[in-house]
Amino acid sequence: MERTFWDKGYPFLTPGAGFLKYPGKEAIEIWKAGADGLVIGSFTEVRRGGYPPPNLYFLENGLLNAFGLPSPAPEDFFLRLEELLKNIPSYAIIASFAMVTGDLNKARKILQQISDYGVRLELNISCPNVKCPLARAEDIIKLALKYFNPEDISIKLPHFTDLDALQKMVGELVSFGINIVIGNSIPGTWIDGKGNFVLSQPIGGYSGAAILPITLANLLVAKRVIRERNANSLLIASGGVSSPEDMLRCVCCGAHAIQVCSELIRGSYYSNRLLREIAKTIFRDWKIRFFLHLYELKPRNKEIASNLEEFKERVREIDGKIYISM
C-alpha cells in the first residue's frame, strides 16, 4: 500500500470505540474540544439494533453495560464518515470495525471501503458479540493487510487474566507490524435491592476506574513482548482511564496512546454538563495536566523510566494536536 500515516504519527488521546457508534456532530464537538483523533464505531458488516434497555447501569467505580454492539448499516456509517472528513483530516480518524457474521467475504468489502476513504483501521476483536475469536485473528489481519499498511492498523484485544496467553498473542500480532489496543470491558453483573438484574441481559461488560489495574498489568506484559521482539508496534491503552494520573500510569506501563470511553459515557449520562464541556475537561484539561506531571516523574524502577523516556522521544505536535511517532 502506498498510503501511510507514519509521517504524522498516531493520535495520542482519543475517545475509545463504543462512544461514537453513530458519529455525527458530537464527533466534531469532541475534535474541536481537543481530541487528537477520533475512534468511530465499532461498526459491523450488518445493521444491529443492540440489546433493549435497561442496558446501562452506573456503579461507584465503574459502569455496567449491555449495549450489544449496536451499529448503523455500513452504507449509513460511510455517509457519516464522508461528513466527518469535511471537517477532520483523514489521518486523525480511526474506523473501528467488528466482524459479527464471521463472513470474511463481507469483511473484505468493508475493509476495502474503509481503505478507500483514506482513514486508519482498528480491528475490534475484544467484544463478546464479535464472531472473530482470537484464534481467527490472523485471518482478519491478513485480509486487512491487503488494503492497509501494517502501521495504519491496530487490533483491539480484550483484557487477559492469563498473562501467558496474552504474551503469546502479542508475540504473534507484532510479527505483522500492527499496533495493539489493550482492553475493553470485562464480564460482570449486578443485582438491585429487589433481587433483580439491573440490565436486560444478566451479564454485561464492566468498565471504568475499577478495571485499570488489569489494564496496567496487560500493558506491562504486552510492552515487554514488544521490546523483546524489537518490534515497531505502538501500544494503546483502553480500559479504566479516569484521570490524567491514570494516563500517566498507562504510559509508565508502556502505553504510547490513550483511549477514553467510560468517562465520556458517565459524563454524558450522569451530569447536566454539555458534551462540549465534558470533552474539554478530558481532551484539553487532562492532557495539559498529564504533560505537566510527566516531566516531574522521577521513577526508581528502570523499566518504568525506560518506558517514559521512549514516550517522550516519540511525542510530536501537529496543528495543535499530539501525535506519537511511529
C-alpha atoms as a PDB file:
ATOM      1  CA  MET A   1       0.000   0.000   0.000  1.00  0.00           C
ATOM      2  CA  GLU A   2       1.283   3.476  -0.827  1.00  0.00           C
ATOM      3  CA  ARG A   3      -0.760   5.419   1.699  1.00  0.00           C
ATOM      4  CA  THR A   4       0.624   5.535   5.217  1.00  0.00           C
ATOM      5  CA  PHE A   5       0.414   7.875   8.195  1.00  0.00           C
ATOM      6  CA  TRP A   6       3.882   7.122   9.544  1.00  0.00           C
ATOM      7  CA  ASP A   7       4.939  10.750   8.971  1.00  0.00           C
ATOM      8  CA  LYS A   8       2.006  12.025  11.060  1.00  0.00           C
ATOM      9  CA  GLY A   9       2.228   9.549  13.891  1.00  0.00           C
ATOM     10  CA  TYR A  10      -0.622   8.042  15.918  1.00  0.00           C
ATOM     11  CA  PRO A  11      -3.197  10.256  17.740  1.00  0.00           C
ATOM     12  CA  PHE A  12      -2.308  10.388  21.428  1.00  0.00           C
ATOM     13  CA  LEU A  13      -5.641  10.964  23.214  1.00  0.00           C
ATOM     14  CA  THR A  14      -8.915   9.853  21.614  1.00  0.00           C
ATOM     15  CA  PRO A  15     -12.365   8.576  22.565  1.00  0.00           C
ATOM     16  CA  GLY A  16     -12.479   4.792  22.659  1.00  0.00           C
ATOM     17  CA  ALA A  17     -14.524   2.528  20.440  1.00  0.00           C
ATOM     18  CA  GLY A  18     -18.134   2.444  21.561  1.00  0.00           C
ATOM     19  CA  PHE A  19     -18.737   6.117  22.272  1.00  0.00           C
ATOM     20  CA  LEU A  20     -19.050   7.392  18.699  1.00  0.00           C
ATOM     21  CA  LYS A  21     -21.089   4.462  17.412  1.00  0.00           C
ATOM     22  CA  TYR A  22     -23.165   6.772  15.203  1.00  0.00           C
ATOM     23  CA  PRO A  23     -20.625   9.543  14.504  1.00  0.00           C
ATOM     24  CA  GLY A  24     -22.080  12.946  13.714  1.00  0.00           C
ATOM     25  CA  LYS A  25     -21.977  16.445  15.169  1.00  0.00           C
ATOM     26  CA  GLU A  26     -20.841  15.154  18.566  1.00  0.00           C
ATOM     27  CA  ALA A  27     -17.699  13.752  16.919  1.00  0.00           C
ATOM     28  CA  ILE A  28     -16.838  17.191  15.570  1.00  0.00           C
ATOM     29  CA  GLU A  29     -17.501  18.692  19.030  1.00  0.00           C
ATOM     30  CA  ILE A  30     -15.019  16.261  20.574  1.00  0.00           C
ATOM     31  CA  TRP A  31     -12.442  17.028  17.888  1.00  0.00           C
ATOM     32  CA  LYS A  32     -12.791  20.771  18.434  1.00  0.00           C
ATOM     33  CA  ALA A  33     -12.617  20.289  22.211  1.00  0.00           C
ATOM     34  CA  GLY A  34      -9.079  18.922  21.921  1.00  0.00           C
ATOM     35  CA  ALA A  35      -9.146  15.229  20.999  1.00  0.00           C
ATOM     36  CA  ASP A  36      -6.056  14.294  18.995  1.00  0.00           C
ATOM     37  CA  GLY A  37      -8.066  11.876  16.883  1.00  0.00           C
ATOM     38  CA  LEU A  38     -11.392  10.062  16.753  1.00  0.00           C
ATOM     39  CA  VAL A  39     -12.134   6.369  17.017  1.00  0.00           C
ATOM     40  CA  ILE A  40     -15.516   5.945  15.327  1.00  0.00           C
ATOM     41  CA  GLY A  41     -17.596   2.790  15.729  1.00  0.00           C
ATOM     42  CA  SER A  42     -17.197  -0.020  16.293  1.00  0.00           C
ATOM     43  CA  PHE A  43     -19.422  -0.695  13.324  1.00  0.00           C
ATOM     44  CA  THR A  44     -20.258  -4.053  11.818  1.00  0.00           C
ATOM     45  CA  GLU A  45     -20.902  -5.534   8.378  1.00  0.00           C
ATOM     46  CA  VAL A  46     -24.675  -5.566   9.044  1.00  0.00           C
ATOM     47  CA  ARG A  47     -27.017  -3.194  10.843  1.00  0.00           C
ATOM     48  CA  ARG A  48     -27.504  -4.120  14.510  1.00  0.00           C
ATOM     49  CA  GLY A  49     -30.040  -2.747  16.955  1.00  0.00           C
ATOM     50  CA  GLY A  50     -28.275  -3.931  20.095  1.00  0.00           C
ATOM     51  CA  TYR A  51     -29.971  -5.022  23.310  1.00  0.00           C
ATOM     52  CA  PRO A  52     -33.088  -3.312  24.707  1.00  0.00           C
ATOM     53  CA  PRO A  53     -32.956  -1.080  27.792  1.00  0.00           C
ATOM     54  CA  PRO A  54     -32.066  -1.088  30.547  1.00  0.00           C
ATOM     55  CA  ASN A  55     -28.608  -1.502  29.056  1.00  0.00           C
ATOM     56  CA  LEU A  56     -26.530   0.850  31.219  1.00  0.00           C
ATOM     57  CA  TYR A  57     -26.045   0.948  34.977  1.00  0.00           C
ATOM     58  CA  PHE A  58     -23.659   3.112  36.996  1.00  0.00           C
ATOM     59  CA  LEU A  59     -21.696   1.725  39.937  1.00  0.00           C
ATOM     60  CA  GLU A  60     -19.413   3.604  42.304  1.00  0.00           C
ATOM     61  CA  ASN A  61     -16.168   2.801  40.498  1.00  0.00           C
ATOM     62  CA  GLY A  62     -17.397   1.896  37.058  1.00  0.00           C
ATOM     63  CA  LEU A  63     -20.339   1.171  34.853  1.00  0.00           C
ATOM     64  CA  LEU A  64     -22.061  -1.927  33.584  1.00  0.00           C
ATOM     65  CA  ASN A  65     -23.396  -2.036  30.036  1.00  0.00           C
ATOM     66  CA  ALA A  66     -25.232  -4.440  27.778  1.00  0.00           C
ATOM     67  CA  PHE A  67     -25.369  -2.349  24.620  1.00  0.00           C
ATOM     68  CA  GLY A  68     -24.946  -5.413  22.428  1.00  0.00           C
ATOM     69  CA  LEU A  69     -22.714  -3.737  19.835  1.00  0.00           C
ATOM     70  CA  PRO A  70     -25.371  -1.608  18.085  1.00  0.00           C
ATOM     71  CA  SER A  71     -24.265  -0.432  14.660  1.00  0.00           C
ATOM     72  CA  PRO A  72     -25.621   1.505  11.706  1.00  0.00           C
ATOM     73  CA  ALA A  73     -25.735  -0.244   8.338  1.00  0.00           C
ATOM     74  CA  PRO A  74     -22.370   0.056   6.552  1.00  0.00           C
ATOM     75  CA  GLU A  75     -23.785   2.456   3.944  1.00  0.00           C
ATOM     76  CA  ASP A  76     -25.026   4.758   6.730  1.00  0.00           C
ATOM     77  CA  PHE A  77     -21.696   4.561   8.523  1.00  0.00           C
ATOM     78  CA  PHE A  78     -19.809   5.546   5.381  1.00  0.00           C
ATOM     79  CA  LEU A  79     -22.126   8.501   4.758  1.00  0.00           C
ATOM     80  CA  ARG A  80     -21.361   9.687   8.284  1.00  0.00           C
ATOM     81  CA  LEU A  81     -17.650   9.189   7.643  1.00  0.00           C
ATOM     82  CA  GLU A  82     -17.867  11.313   4.483  1.00  0.00           C
ATOM     83  CA  GLU A  83     -19.371  14.160   6.513  1.00  0.00           C
ATOM     84  CA  LEU A  84     -16.633  13.914   9.153  1.00  0.00           C
ATOM     85  CA  LEU A  85     -13.931  14.094   6.503  1.00  0.00           C
ATOM     86  CA  LYS A  86     -15.220  17.542   5.510  1.00  0.00           C
ATOM     87  CA  ASN A  87     -14.055  18.822   8.913  1.00  0.00           C
ATOM     88  CA  ILE A  88     -11.385  16.418  10.158  1.00  0.00           C
ATOM     89  CA  PRO A  89      -8.208  15.170   8.417  1.00  0.00           C
ATOM     90  CA  SER A  90      -8.193  11.507   7.443  1.00  0.00           C
ATOM     91  CA  TYR A  91      -5.051  10.749   9.471  1.00  0.00           C
ATOM     92  CA  ALA A  92      -6.953  11.707  12.656  1.00  0.00           C
ATOM     93  CA  ILE A  93      -9.825   9.242  12.079  1.00  0.00           C
ATOM     94  CA  ILE A  94      -9.692   5.592  13.128  1.00  0.00           C
ATOM     95  CA  ALA A  95     -12.577   3.466  11.845  1.00  0.00           C
ATOM     96  CA  SER A  96     -13.218   0.621  14.282  1.00  0.00           C
ATOM     97  CA  PHE A  97     -14.627  -2.484  12.597  1.00  0.00           C
ATOM     98  CA  ALA A  98     -16.004  -5.561  14.371  1.00  0.00           C
ATOM     99  CA  MET A  99     -16.905  -8.670  12.385  1.00  0.00           C
ATOM    100  CA  VAL A 100     -20.149 -10.204  13.690  1.00  0.00           C
ATOM    101  CA  THR A 101     -21.190 -12.618  10.920  1.00  0.00           C
ATOM    102  CA  GLY A 102     -17.906 -14.475  10.601  1.00  0.00           C
ATOM    103  CA  ASP A 103     -18.164 -13.961   6.823  1.00  0.00           C
ATOM    104  CA  LEU A 104     -14.718 -12.994   5.519  1.00  0.00           C
ATOM    105  CA  ASN A 105     -16.122 -12.071   2.101  1.00  0.00           C
ATOM    106  CA  LYS A 106     -18.357  -9.439   3.703  1.00  0.00           C
ATOM    107  CA  ALA A 107     -15.446  -8.277   5.817  1.00  0.00           C
ATOM    108  CA  ARG A 108     -13.290  -7.951   2.701  1.00  0.00           C
ATOM    109  CA  LYS A 109     -15.737  -5.493   1.108  1.00  0.00           C
ATOM    110  CA  ILE A 110     -15.934  -3.427   4.287  1.00  0.00           C
ATOM    111  CA  LEU A 111     -12.161  -3.250   4.690  1.00  0.00           C
ATOM    112  CA  GLN A 112     -11.712  -2.162   1.092  1.00  0.00           C
ATOM    113  CA  GLN A 113     -14.304   0.591   1.549  1.00  0.00           C
ATOM    114  CA  ILE A 114     -12.633   1.855   4.726  1.00  0.00           C
ATOM    115  CA  SER A 115      -9.320   1.949   2.874  1.00  0.00           C
ATOM    116  CA  ASP A 116     -10.878   3.904   0.013  1.00  0.00           C
ATOM    117  CA  TYR A 117     -11.736   6.705   2.459  1.00  0.00           C
ATOM    118  CA  GLY A 118      -8.087   7.019   3.469  1.00  0.00           C
ATOM    119  CA  VAL A 119      -8.558   6.615   7.225  1.00  0.00           C
ATOM    120  CA  ARG A 120      -6.903   4.329   9.747  1.00  0.00           C
ATOM    121  CA  LEU A 121      -8.313   0.956  10.783  1.00  0.00           C
ATOM    122  CA  GLU A 122      -8.996  -0.604  14.178  1.00  0.00           C
ATOM    123  CA  LEU A 123      -9.976  -4.273  14.179  1.00  0.00           C
ATOM    124  CA  ASN A 124     -12.100  -4.850  17.263  1.00  0.00           C
ATOM    125  CA  ILE A 125     -11.976  -8.474  18.386  1.00  0.00           C
ATOM    126  CA  SER A 126     -12.473  -7.590  22.051  1.00  0.00           C
ATOM    127  CA  CYS A 127     -16.281  -7.629  22.205  1.00  0.00           C
ATOM    128  CA  PRO A 128     -18.177 -10.831  23.153  1.00  0.00           C
ATOM    129  CA  ASN A 129     -20.557 -10.160  20.240  1.00  0.00           C
ATOM    130  CA  VAL A 130     -17.720 -10.333  17.705  1.00  0.00           C
ATOM    131  CA  LYS A 131     -17.580 -13.532  15.641  1.00  0.00           C
ATOM    132  CA  CYS A 132     -13.834 -13.341  15.237  1.00  0.00           C
ATOM    133  CA  PRO A 133     -12.289 -15.351  18.068  1.00  0.00           C
ATOM    134  CA  LEU A 134      -8.665 -14.789  18.932  1.00  0.00           C
ATOM    135  CA  ALA A 135      -7.791 -17.970  17.065  1.00  0.00           C
ATOM    136  CA  ARG A 136      -9.042 -16.366  13.834  1.00  0.00           C
ATOM    137  CA  ALA A 137      -7.372 -13.007  14.373  1.00  0.00           C
ATOM    138  CA  GLU A 138      -4.682 -13.950  11.874  1.00  0.00           C
ATOM    139  CA  ASP A 139      -7.289 -14.343   9.098  1.00  0.00           C
ATOM    140  CA  ILE A 140      -8.788 -10.868   9.509  1.00  0.00           C
ATOM    141  CA  ILE A 141      -5.328  -9.284   9.871  1.00  0.00           C
ATOM    142  CA  LYS A 142      -4.068 -10.851   6.649  1.00  0.00           C
ATOM    143  CA  LEU A 143      -7.207  -9.631   4.931  1.00  0.00           C
ATOM    144  CA  ALA A 144      -6.717  -6.092   6.263  1.00  0.00           C
ATOM    145  CA  LEU A 145      -3.078  -6.062   5.140  1.00  0.00           C
ATOM    146  CA  LYS A 146      -4.261  -6.301   1.545  1.00  0.00           C
ATOM    147  CA  TYR A 147      -5.721  -2.800   1.875  1.00  0.00           C
ATOM    148  CA  PHE A 148      -3.696  -1.117   4.647  1.00  0.00           C
ATOM    149  CA  ASN A 149      -0.089  -0.717   5.655  1.00  0.00           C
ATOM    150  CA  PRO A 150       0.600  -2.504   8.959  1.00  0.00           C
ATOM    151  CA  GLU A 151       1.360   0.745  10.811  1.00  0.00           C
ATOM    152  CA  ASP A 152      -2.121   2.017   9.856  1.00  0.00           C
ATOM    153  CA  ILE A 153      -3.811  -0.974  11.543  1.00  0.00           C
ATOM    154  CA  SER A 154      -4.472  -1.503  15.224  1.00  0.00           C
ATOM    155  CA  ILE A 155      -6.154  -4.521  16.775  1.00  0.00           C
ATOM    156  CA  LYS A 156      -8.245  -4.173  19.931  1.00  0.00           C
ATOM    157  CA  LEU A 157      -7.820  -7.070  22.360  1.00  0.00           C
ATOM    158  CA  PRO A 158      -9.906  -7.983  25.400  1.00  0.00           C
ATOM    159  CA  HIS A 159      -8.328  -7.928  28.825  1.00  0.00           C
ATOM    160  CA  PHE A 160      -6.428 -11.118  29.663  1.00  0.00           C
ATOM    161  CA  THR A 161      -6.251 -12.694  33.098  1.00  0.00           C
ATOM    162  CA  ASP A 162      -3.998 -15.427  31.671  1.00  0.00           C
ATOM    163  CA  LEU A 163      -0.888 -13.333  31.113  1.00  0.00           C
ATOM    164  CA  ASP A 164       0.987 -16.201  29.461  1.00  0.00           C
ATOM    165  CA  ALA A 165      -1.770 -16.329  26.830  1.00  0.00           C
ATOM    166  CA  LEU A 166      -1.514 -12.562  26.379  1.00  0.00           C
ATOM    167  CA  GLN A 167       2.252 -12.818  25.937  1.00  0.00           C
ATOM    168  CA  LYS A 168       1.810 -15.446  23.227  1.00  0.00           C
ATOM    169  CA  MET A 169      -0.934 -13.484  21.467  1.00  0.00           C
ATOM    170  CA  VAL A 170       1.003 -10.211  21.411  1.00  0.00           C
ATOM    171  CA  GLY A 171       4.066 -12.032  20.122  1.00  0.00           C
ATOM    172  CA  GLU A 172       2.047 -13.342  17.186  1.00  0.00           C
ATOM    173  CA  LEU A 173       0.383  -9.989  16.472  1.00  0.00           C
ATOM    174  CA  VAL A 174       3.502  -7.810  16.479  1.00  0.00           C
ATOM    175  CA  SER A 175       5.043 -10.098  13.864  1.00  0.00           C
ATOM    176  CA  PHE A 176       2.594  -8.430  11.454  1.00  0.00           C
ATOM    177  CA  GLY A 177       3.859  -4.964  12.416  1.00  0.00           C
ATOM    178  CA  ILE A 178       0.428  -3.760  13.561  1.00  0.00           C
ATOM    179  CA  ASN A 179      -0.444  -1.749  16.682  1.00  0.00           C
ATOM    180  CA  ILE A 180      -2.062  -3.232  19.782  1.00  0.00           C
ATOM    181  CA  VAL A 181      -5.005  -1.759  21.721  1.00  0.00           C
ATOM    182  CA  ILE A 182      -5.258  -3.253  25.194  1.00  0.00           C
ATOM    183  CA  GLY A 183      -8.612  -3.621  26.835  1.00  0.00           C
ATOM    184  CA  ASN A 184     -12.353  -3.449  26.683  1.00  0.00           C
ATOM    185  CA  SER A 185     -14.842  -4.129  29.453  1.00  0.00           C
ATOM    186  CA  ILE A 186     -14.742  -7.344  31.477  1.00  0.00           C
ATOM    187  CA  PRO A 187     -17.801  -9.579  32.123  1.00  0.00           C
ATOM    188  CA  GLY A 188     -19.890  -8.531  35.093  1.00  0.00           C
ATOM    189  CA  THR A 189     -23.380  -8.458  36.557  1.00  0.00           C
ATOM    190  CA  TRP A 190     -25.245  -6.644  39.337  1.00  0.00           C
ATOM    191  CA  ILE A 191     -28.394  -7.250  41.366  1.00  0.00           C
ATOM    192  CA  ASP A 192     -30.584  -4.411  42.636  1.00  0.00           C
ATOM    193  CA  GLY A 193     -32.169  -4.123  46.092  1.00  0.00           C
ATOM    194  CA  LYS A 194     -35.248  -6.041  44.937  1.00  0.00           C
ATOM    195  CA  GLY A 195     -33.253  -9.030  43.745  1.00  0.00           C
ATOM    196  CA  ASN A 196     -33.382  -8.263  40.023  1.00  0.00           C
ATOM    197  CA  PHE A 197     -30.698  -7.947  37.388  1.00  0.00           C
ATOM    198  CA  VAL A 198     -30.067  -4.285  36.659  1.00  0.00           C
ATOM    199  CA  LEU A 199     -29.668  -4.856  32.908  1.00  0.00           C
ATOM    200  CA  SER A 200     -31.902  -6.502  30.315  1.00  0.00           C
ATOM    201  CA  GLN A 201     -29.136  -9.096  29.839  1.00  0.00           C
ATOM    202  CA  PRO A 202     -27.955 -10.886  33.002  1.00  0.00           C
ATOM    203  CA  ILE A 203     -24.271 -10.422  32.113  1.00  0.00           C
ATOM    204  CA  GLY A 204     -22.849  -7.239  30.656  1.00  0.00           C
ATOM    205  CA  GLY A 205     -19.481  -5.538  30.345  1.00  0.00           C
ATOM    206  CA  TYR A 206     -17.957  -3.830  33.372  1.00  0.00           C
ATOM    207  CA  SER A 207     -15.689  -0.854  32.709  1.00  0.00           C
ATOM    208  CA  GLY A 208     -14.353   2.241  34.417  1.00  0.00           C
ATOM    209  CA  ALA A 209     -11.793   3.001  37.105  1.00  0.00           C
ATOM    210  CA  ALA A 210     -12.081  -0.385  38.827  1.00  0.00           C
ATOM    211  CA  ILE A 211     -10.540  -2.264  35.886  1.00  0.00           C
ATOM    212  CA  LEU A 212      -7.490  -0.014  35.450  1.00  0.00           C
ATOM    213  CA  PRO A 213      -5.133  -2.329  37.409  1.00  0.00           C
ATOM    214  CA  ILE A 214      -5.981  -5.127  34.949  1.00  0.00           C
ATOM    215  CA  THR A 215      -5.281  -2.791  32.028  1.00  0.00           C
ATOM    216  CA  LEU A 216      -1.924  -1.800  33.538  1.00  0.00           C
ATOM    217  CA  ALA A 217      -0.826  -5.420  34.042  1.00  0.00           C
ATOM    218  CA  ASN A 218      -1.803  -6.229  30.431  1.00  0.00           C
ATOM    219  CA  LEU A 219       0.087  -3.190  29.144  1.00  0.00           C
ATOM    220  CA  LEU A 220       3.203  -4.133  31.081  1.00  0.00           C
ATOM    221  CA  VAL A 221       3.244  -7.681  29.690  1.00  0.00           C
ATOM    222  CA  ALA A 222       2.500  -6.524  26.138  1.00  0.00           C
ATOM    223  CA  LYS A 223       5.226  -3.869  26.272  1.00  0.00           C
ATOM    224  CA  ARG A 224       7.791  -6.413  27.409  1.00  0.00           C
ATOM    225  CA  VAL A 225       6.971  -8.591  24.408  1.00  0.00           C
ATOM    226  CA  ILE A 226       7.212  -5.628  22.014  1.00  0.00           C
ATOM    227  CA  ARG A 227      10.598  -4.686  23.477  1.00  0.00           C
ATOM    228  CA  GLU A 228      11.920  -8.264  23.433  1.00  0.00           C
ATOM    229  CA  ARG A 229      10.905  -8.660  19.778  1.00  0.00           C
ATOM    230  CA  ASN A 230      12.357  -5.247  18.918  1.00  0.00           C
ATOM    231  CA  ALA A 231       9.008  -4.583  17.250  1.00  0.00           C
ATOM    232  CA  ASN A 232       7.788  -1.232  15.970  1.00  0.00           C
ATOM    233  CA  SER A 233       4.208  -1.724  17.170  1.00  0.00           C
ATOM    234  CA  LEU A 234       2.567   1.007  19.221  1.00  0.00           C
ATOM    235  CA  LEU A 235       0.639   0.146  22.377  1.00  0.00           C
ATOM    236  CA  ILE A 236      -2.674   1.894  23.059  1.00  0.00           C
ATOM    237  CA  ALA A 237      -4.359   1.799  26.477  1.00  0.00           C
ATOM    238  CA  SER A 238      -8.134   1.408  26.600  1.00  0.00           C
ATOM    239  CA  GLY A 239      -9.903   0.478  29.804  1.00  0.00           C
ATOM    240  CA  GLY A 240     -10.301   2.262  33.121  1.00  0.00           C
ATOM    241  CA  VAL A 241      -8.636   5.601  32.394  1.00  0.00           C
ATOM    242  CA  SER A 242     -10.461   8.124  34.586  1.00  0.00           C
ATOM    243  CA  SER A 243      -7.935  10.918  35.183  1.00  0.00           C
ATOM    244  CA  PRO A 244      -4.663  12.425  33.929  1.00  0.00           C
ATOM    245  CA  GLU A 245      -2.915  10.460  36.665  1.00  0.00           C
ATOM    246  CA  ASP A 246      -4.318   7.258  35.133  1.00  0.00           C
ATOM    247  CA  MET A 247      -2.933   8.358  31.770  1.00  0.00           C
ATOM    248  CA  LEU A 248       0.494   8.647  33.381  1.00  0.00           C
ATOM    249  CA  ARG A 249       0.146   5.184  34.917  1.00  0.00           C
ATOM    250  CA  CYS A 250      -0.591   3.753  31.473  1.00  0.00           C
ATOM    251  CA  VAL A 251       2.465   5.421  29.932  1.00  0.00           C
ATOM    252  CA  CYS A 252       4.601   4.144  32.825  1.00  0.00           C
ATOM    253  CA  CYS A 253       3.474   0.633  31.859  1.00  0.00           C
ATOM    254  CA  GLY A 254       4.370   1.103  28.198  1.00  0.00           C
ATOM    255  CA  ALA A 255       1.380   2.764  26.524  1.00  0.00           C
ATOM    256  CA  HIS A 256       2.046   5.199  23.690  1.00  0.00           C
ATOM    257  CA  ALA A 257      -1.536   6.438  23.317  1.00  0.00           C
ATOM    258  CA  ILE A 258      -4.731   6.544  25.374  1.00  0.00           C
ATOM    259  CA  GLN A 259      -8.408   5.919  24.626  1.00  0.00           C
ATOM    260  CA  VAL A 260     -11.187   7.120  26.966  1.00  0.00           C
ATOM    261  CA  CYS A 261     -14.755   5.842  26.791  1.00  0.00           C
ATOM    262  CA  SER A 262     -16.414   5.180  30.163  1.00  0.00           C
ATOM    263  CA  GLU A 263     -15.752   8.696  31.457  1.00  0.00           C
ATOM    264  CA  LEU A 264     -17.352  10.147  28.333  1.00  0.00           C
ATOM    265  CA  ILE A 265     -20.383   7.899  28.817  1.00  0.00           C
ATOM    266  CA  ARG A 266     -20.587   8.734  32.531  1.00  0.00           C
ATOM    267  CA  GLY A 267     -20.278  12.442  31.854  1.00  0.00           C
ATOM    268  CA  SER A 268     -22.891  12.373  29.091  1.00  0.00           C
ATOM    269  CA  TYR A 269     -25.463  10.365  31.038  1.00  0.00           C
ATOM    270  CA  TYR A 270     -24.719  11.292  34.617  1.00  0.00           C
ATOM    271  CA  SER A 271     -24.424  15.060  34.606  1.00  0.00           C
ATOM    272  CA  ASN A 272     -26.112  18.139  33.225  1.00  0.00           C
ATOM    273  CA  ARG A 273     -22.923  19.334  31.544  1.00  0.00           C
ATOM    274  CA  LEU A 274     -22.830  19.670  27.779  1.00  0.00           C
ATOM    275  CA  LEU A 275     -20.737  17.170  25.852  1.00  0.00           C
ATOM    276  CA  ARG A 276     -18.533  20.063  24.739  1.00  0.00           C
ATOM    277  CA  GLU A 277     -17.637  20.843  28.360  1.00  0.00           C
ATOM    278  CA  ILE A 278     -17.019  17.209  29.240  1.00  0.00           C
ATOM    279  CA  ALA A 279     -14.832  16.779  26.158  1.00  0.00           C
ATOM    280  CA  LYS A 280     -12.791  19.885  27.019  1.00  0.00           C
ATOM    281  CA  THR A 281     -12.167  18.521  30.508  1.00  0.00           C
ATOM    282  CA  ILE A 282     -10.897  15.190  29.173  1.00  0.00           C
ATOM    283  CA  PHE A 283      -9.163  16.129  25.941  1.00  0.00           C
ATOM    284  CA  ARG A 284      -7.805  19.560  26.871  1.00  0.00           C
ATOM    285  CA  ASP A 285      -7.505  19.855  30.660  1.00  0.00           C
ATOM    286  CA  TRP A 286      -6.447  16.252  31.296  1.00  0.00           C
ATOM    287  CA  LYS A 287      -3.840  16.491  28.543  1.00  0.00           C
ATOM    288  CA  ILE A 288      -2.371  19.687  29.994  1.00  0.00           C
ATOM    289  CA  ARG A 289      -2.147  18.150  33.464  1.00  0.00           C
ATOM    290  CA  PHE A 290      -0.684  14.947  32.027  1.00  0.00           C
ATOM    291  CA  PHE A 291       2.210  16.721  30.323  1.00  0.00           C
ATOM    292  CA  LEU A 292       2.852  18.977  33.308  1.00  0.00           C
ATOM    293  CA  HIS A 293       3.235  15.947  35.583  1.00  0.00           C
ATOM    294  CA  LEU A 294       5.034  13.775  33.008  1.00  0.00           C
ATOM    295  CA  TYR A 295       8.251  15.729  33.313  1.00  0.00           C
ATOM    296  CA  GLU A 296       8.044  15.756  37.109  1.00  0.00           C
ATOM    297  CA  LEU A 297       8.184  11.965  37.404  1.00  0.00           C
ATOM    298  CA  LYS A 298      11.465  10.529  38.687  1.00  0.00           C
ATOM    299  CA  PRO A 299      10.889   6.754  38.766  1.00  0.00           C
ATOM    300  CA  ARG A 300      13.422   4.499  40.507  1.00  0.00           C
ATOM    301  CA  ASN A 301      12.307   1.480  38.506  1.00  0.00           C
ATOM    302  CA  LYS A 302      14.391   1.123  35.327  1.00  0.00           C
ATOM    303  CA  GLU A 303      11.557  -0.417  33.297  1.00  0.00           C
ATOM    304  CA  ILE A 304       9.217   2.490  34.041  1.00  0.00           C
ATOM    305  CA  ALA A 305      11.986   5.007  33.384  1.00  0.00           C
ATOM    306  CA  SER A 306      12.691   3.399  30.012  1.00  0.00           C
ATOM    307  CA  ASN A 307       9.008   3.449  29.044  1.00  0.00           C
ATOM    308  CA  LEU A 308       8.731   7.134  29.960  1.00  0.00           C
ATOM    309  CA  GLU A 309      11.852   8.109  28.011  1.00  0.00           C
ATOM    310  CA  GLU A 310      10.662   6.272  24.914  1.00  0.00           C
ATOM    311  CA  PHE A 311       7.300   8.012  25.145  1.00  0.00           C
ATOM    312  CA  LYS A 312       8.891  11.463  25.467  1.00  0.00           C
ATOM    313  CA  GLU A 313      11.059  10.802  22.408  1.00  0.00           C
ATOM    314  CA  ARG A 314       8.023   9.887  20.313  1.00  0.00           C
ATOM    315  CA  VAL A 315       5.801  12.878  21.171  1.00  0.00           C
ATOM    316  CA  ARG A 316       5.253  15.457  18.459  1.00  0.00           C
ATOM    317  CA  GLU A 317       2.772  18.259  17.838  1.00  0.00           C
ATOM    318  CA  ILE A 318       0.910  18.815  14.550  1.00  0.00           C
ATOM    319  CA  ASP A 319      -1.506  21.731  14.235  1.00  0.00           C
ATOM    320  CA  GLY A 320      -2.081  21.826  17.989  1.00  0.00           C
ATOM    321  CA  LYS A 321      -2.696  18.083  18.283  1.00  0.00           C
ATOM    322  CA  ILE A 322      -0.398  15.495  19.880  1.00  0.00           C
ATOM    323  CA  TYR A 323       0.811  12.535  17.853  1.00  0.00           C
ATOM    324  CA  ILE A 324       3.153   9.666  18.645  1.00  0.00           C
ATOM    325  CA  SER A 325       5.827   8.987  16.044  1.00  0.00           C
ATOM    326  CA  MET A 326       5.792   5.517  14.570  1.00  0.00           C
END
